[in-house]
Structures are given as C-alpha cells and as structure tokens.
Amino acid sequence: MFARLSRYEGSPVPPEGDLSAHAETIVQQVRGLPGFLGVYWLVDRATGKAVSLTLWEDEDTMRASEEKADRIRVDTARREGQRIVSVDRYEVGFGHVET
C-alpha cells in the first residue's frame, strides 16, 4: 500500500466550522480512481494547518492518479482558503484503525 500526504496552511477554523462540509464531493472525485483505498482530512483548527492522506493499492496506481489528485488538491485549497505547502509520497509500512 502507498500513501500521498499533502500539507496545507491557512486561517484558523472557528469551533463551529464544519470540517466535513465538502467531504462527499471530495470522496466522489477520488472514489472511482483505480487503486484508491481511502482518504483522511486532518485539521488543526487553532493554526489552520491541515493534512490530507490518500491511500492507494500500490505505487503505480498512486502515480497514475497524480494529475487528478493535483486538480482536487488545488480546488480544495482554494475553496478552504489555504495554500499547499508540500506533497509527499510514502510506502505504508503498517496501519491499524479501531472503530
């Protein structure tokens, strides 16, 4: 499994701000891409810093999604009043989520 980690900076987010307001739109945009496994959007309300993490079956499918992912990232940053700080790619060593 591979992951793309994008970092953003922007204005602080008020406590009443809805962090998931555009979640469905973003998920719909990436859900159909080959190899897509999941996405997380992490936000520090106080600083306005945010991170998106997308998960991919393998490096090839992650790389094949670059153009579409770039458009989504730019649109999301613009809509949220943020700037893209960095985009990094990693192989996932392990993962665990409990629900």
C-alpha atoms as a PDB file:
ATOM      1  CA  MET A   1       0.000   0.000   0.000  1.00  0.00           C
ATOM      2  CA  PHE A   2       1.158   3.555  -0.742  1.00  0.00           C
ATOM      3  CA  ALA A   3       0.103   6.958   0.609  1.00  0.00           C
ATOM      4  CA  ARG A   4       0.203  10.548  -0.608  1.00  0.00           C
ATOM      5  CA  LEU A   5       0.435  13.128   2.192  1.00  0.00           C
ATOM      6  CA  SER A   6      -0.417  16.735   1.332  1.00  0.00           C
ATOM      7  CA  ARG A   7       0.132  19.586   3.793  1.00  0.00           C
ATOM      8  CA  TYR A   8      -1.797  22.854   3.792  1.00  0.00           C
ATOM      9  CA  GLU A   9      -1.693  26.137   5.709  1.00  0.00           C
ATOM     10  CA  GLY A  10      -4.479  28.664   6.084  1.00  0.00           C
ATOM     11  CA  SER A  11      -6.532  30.648   8.524  1.00  0.00           C
ATOM     12  CA  PRO A  12      -7.725  29.193  11.822  1.00  0.00           C
ATOM     13  CA  VAL A  13     -11.046  27.347  11.651  1.00  0.00           C
ATOM     14  CA  PRO A  14     -13.758  28.509  14.057  1.00  0.00           C
ATOM     15  CA  PRO A  15     -15.039  25.893  16.542  1.00  0.00           C
ATOM     16  CA  GLU A  16     -18.429  25.940  14.813  1.00  0.00           C
ATOM     17  CA  GLY A  17     -16.847  25.423  11.371  1.00  0.00           C
ATOM     18  CA  ASP A  18     -17.937  22.224   9.606  1.00  0.00           C
ATOM     19  CA  LEU A  19     -14.797  20.254   8.735  1.00  0.00           C
ATOM     20  CA  SER A  20     -16.746  17.724   6.681  1.00  0.00           C
ATOM     21  CA  ALA A  21     -18.749  20.210   4.598  1.00  0.00           C
ATOM     22  CA  HIS A  22     -17.106  19.141   1.319  1.00  0.00           C
ATOM     23  CA  ALA A  23     -16.257  15.560   2.254  1.00  0.00           C
ATOM     24  CA  GLU A  24     -18.805  13.916  -0.014  1.00  0.00           C
ATOM     25  CA  THR A  25     -17.659  15.936  -3.036  1.00  0.00           C
ATOM     26  CA  ILE A  26     -14.005  15.075  -2.461  1.00  0.00           C
ATOM     27  CA  VAL A  27     -14.686  11.383  -1.835  1.00  0.00           C
ATOM     28  CA  GLN A  28     -16.800  11.185  -5.005  1.00  0.00           C
ATOM     29  CA  GLN A  29     -13.910  12.654  -7.004  1.00  0.00           C
ATOM     30  CA  VAL A  30     -11.352  10.084  -5.843  1.00  0.00           C
ATOM     31  CA  ARG A  31     -13.534   7.040  -5.180  1.00  0.00           C
ATOM     32  CA  GLY A  32     -13.600   5.957  -8.816  1.00  0.00           C
ATOM     33  CA  LEU A  33      -9.856   6.179  -9.383  1.00  0.00           C
ATOM     34  CA  PRO A  34      -8.163   2.802  -9.858  1.00  0.00           C
ATOM     35  CA  GLY A  35      -6.336   1.636  -6.742  1.00  0.00           C
ATOM     36  CA  PHE A  36      -7.962   4.161  -4.374  1.00  0.00           C
ATOM     37  CA  LEU A  37      -8.364   2.732  -0.858  1.00  0.00           C
ATOM     38  CA  GLY A  38      -9.190   5.676   1.406  1.00  0.00           C
ATOM     39  CA  VAL A  39      -8.747   9.294   2.412  1.00  0.00           C
ATOM     40  CA  TYR A  40      -8.319  11.242   5.662  1.00  0.00           C
ATOM     41  CA  TRP A  41      -8.561  15.026   6.160  1.00  0.00           C
ATOM     42  CA  LEU A  42      -6.840  16.179   9.363  1.00  0.00           C
ATOM     43  CA  VAL A  43      -7.193  19.759  10.611  1.00  0.00           C
ATOM     44  CA  ASP A  44      -5.692  21.801  13.428  1.00  0.00           C
ATOM     45  CA  ARG A  45      -8.452  24.380  13.939  1.00  0.00           C
ATOM     46  CA  ALA A  46      -6.259  26.694  16.027  1.00  0.00           C
ATOM     47  CA  THR A  47      -3.479  27.087  13.458  1.00  0.00           C
ATOM     48  CA  GLY A  48      -5.337  26.446  10.212  1.00  0.00           C
ATOM     49  CA  LYS A  49      -2.862  23.722   9.288  1.00  0.00           C
ATOM     50  CA  ALA A  50      -4.315  20.685   7.546  1.00  0.00           C
ATOM     51  CA  VAL A  51      -3.139  17.400   6.079  1.00  0.00           C
ATOM     52  CA  SER A  52      -4.792  15.095   3.578  1.00  0.00           C
ATOM     53  CA  LEU A  53      -3.769  11.461   3.377  1.00  0.00           C
ATOM     54  CA  THR A  54      -4.862   9.278   0.491  1.00  0.00           C
ATOM     55  CA  LEU A  55      -4.213   5.540   0.410  1.00  0.00           C
ATOM     56  CA  TRP A  56      -3.521   3.504  -2.744  1.00  0.00           C
ATOM     57  CA  GLU A  57      -3.192  -0.196  -3.551  1.00  0.00           C
ATOM     58  CA  ASP A  58       0.286   0.227  -4.986  1.00  0.00           C
ATOM     59  CA  GLU A  59       2.767   2.796  -6.225  1.00  0.00           C
ATOM     60  CA  ASP A  60       1.644   2.526  -9.853  1.00  0.00           C
ATOM     61  CA  THR A  61      -1.986   3.415  -9.105  1.00  0.00           C
ATOM     62  CA  MET A  62      -0.888   6.250  -6.813  1.00  0.00           C
ATOM     63  CA  ARG A  63       1.353   7.677  -9.550  1.00  0.00           C
ATOM     64  CA  ALA A  64      -1.387   7.246 -12.171  1.00  0.00           C
ATOM     65  CA  SER A  65      -3.721   9.397 -10.042  1.00  0.00           C
ATOM     66  CA  GLU A  66      -1.281  12.346  -9.802  1.00  0.00           C
ATOM     67  CA  GLU A  67      -2.950  14.630 -12.358  1.00  0.00           C
ATOM     68  CA  LYS A  68      -6.463  14.165 -10.966  1.00  0.00           C
ATOM     69  CA  ALA A  69      -5.183  14.425  -7.374  1.00  0.00           C
ATOM     70  CA  ASP A  70      -3.398  17.666  -8.187  1.00  0.00           C
ATOM     71  CA  ARG A  71      -6.615  19.243  -9.509  1.00  0.00           C
ATOM     72  CA  ILE A  72      -8.559  18.101  -6.442  1.00  0.00           C
ATOM     73  CA  ARG A  73      -5.830  19.409  -4.114  1.00  0.00           C
ATOM     74  CA  VAL A  74      -5.693  22.828  -5.796  1.00  0.00           C
ATOM     75  CA  ASP A  75      -9.506  23.149  -5.827  1.00  0.00           C
ATOM     76  CA  THR A  76      -9.759  22.095  -2.178  1.00  0.00           C
ATOM     77  CA  ALA A  77      -7.045  24.510  -1.050  1.00  0.00           C
ATOM     78  CA  ARG A  78      -8.667  27.389  -2.939  1.00  0.00           C
ATOM     79  CA  ARG A  79     -12.134  26.615  -1.547  1.00  0.00           C
ATOM     80  CA  GLU A  80     -10.816  26.310   2.023  1.00  0.00           C
ATOM     81  CA  GLY A  81      -8.653  29.462   1.797  1.00  0.00           C
ATOM     82  CA  GLN A  82      -5.432  27.510   2.183  1.00  0.00           C
ATOM     83  CA  ARG A  83      -2.143  27.133   0.363  1.00  0.00           C
ATOM     84  CA  ILE A  84      -0.461  23.856  -0.459  1.00  0.00           C
ATOM     85  CA  VAL A  85       2.792  23.543   1.488  1.00  0.00           C
ATOM     86  CA  SER A  86       4.001  20.135   0.320  1.00  0.00           C
ATOM     87  CA  VAL A  87       3.025  16.845  -1.279  1.00  0.00           C
ATOM     88  CA  ASP A  88       4.941  13.704  -0.327  1.00  0.00           C
ATOM     89  CA  ARG A  89       4.595  10.052  -1.211  1.00  0.00           C
ATOM     90  CA  TYR A  90       5.284   7.069   1.045  1.00  0.00           C
ATOM     91  CA  GLU A  91       5.103   3.323   1.123  1.00  0.00           C
ATOM     92  CA  VAL A  92       2.906   2.292   4.051  1.00  0.00           C
ATOM     93  CA  GLY A  93       4.891   0.180   6.493  1.00  0.00           C
ATOM     94  CA  PHE A  94       1.840  -0.804   8.544  1.00  0.00           C
ATOM     95  CA  GLY A  95      -1.542   0.525   9.597  1.00  0.00           C
ATOM     96  CA  HIS A  96      -4.174  -0.106  12.226  1.00  0.00           C
ATOM     97  CA  VAL A  97      -7.559   1.512  12.843  1.00  0.00           C
ATOM     98  CA  GLU A  98     -10.041   0.521  15.531  1.00  0.00           C
ATOM     99  CA  THR A  99     -13.645   1.573  15.305  1.00  0.00           C
END
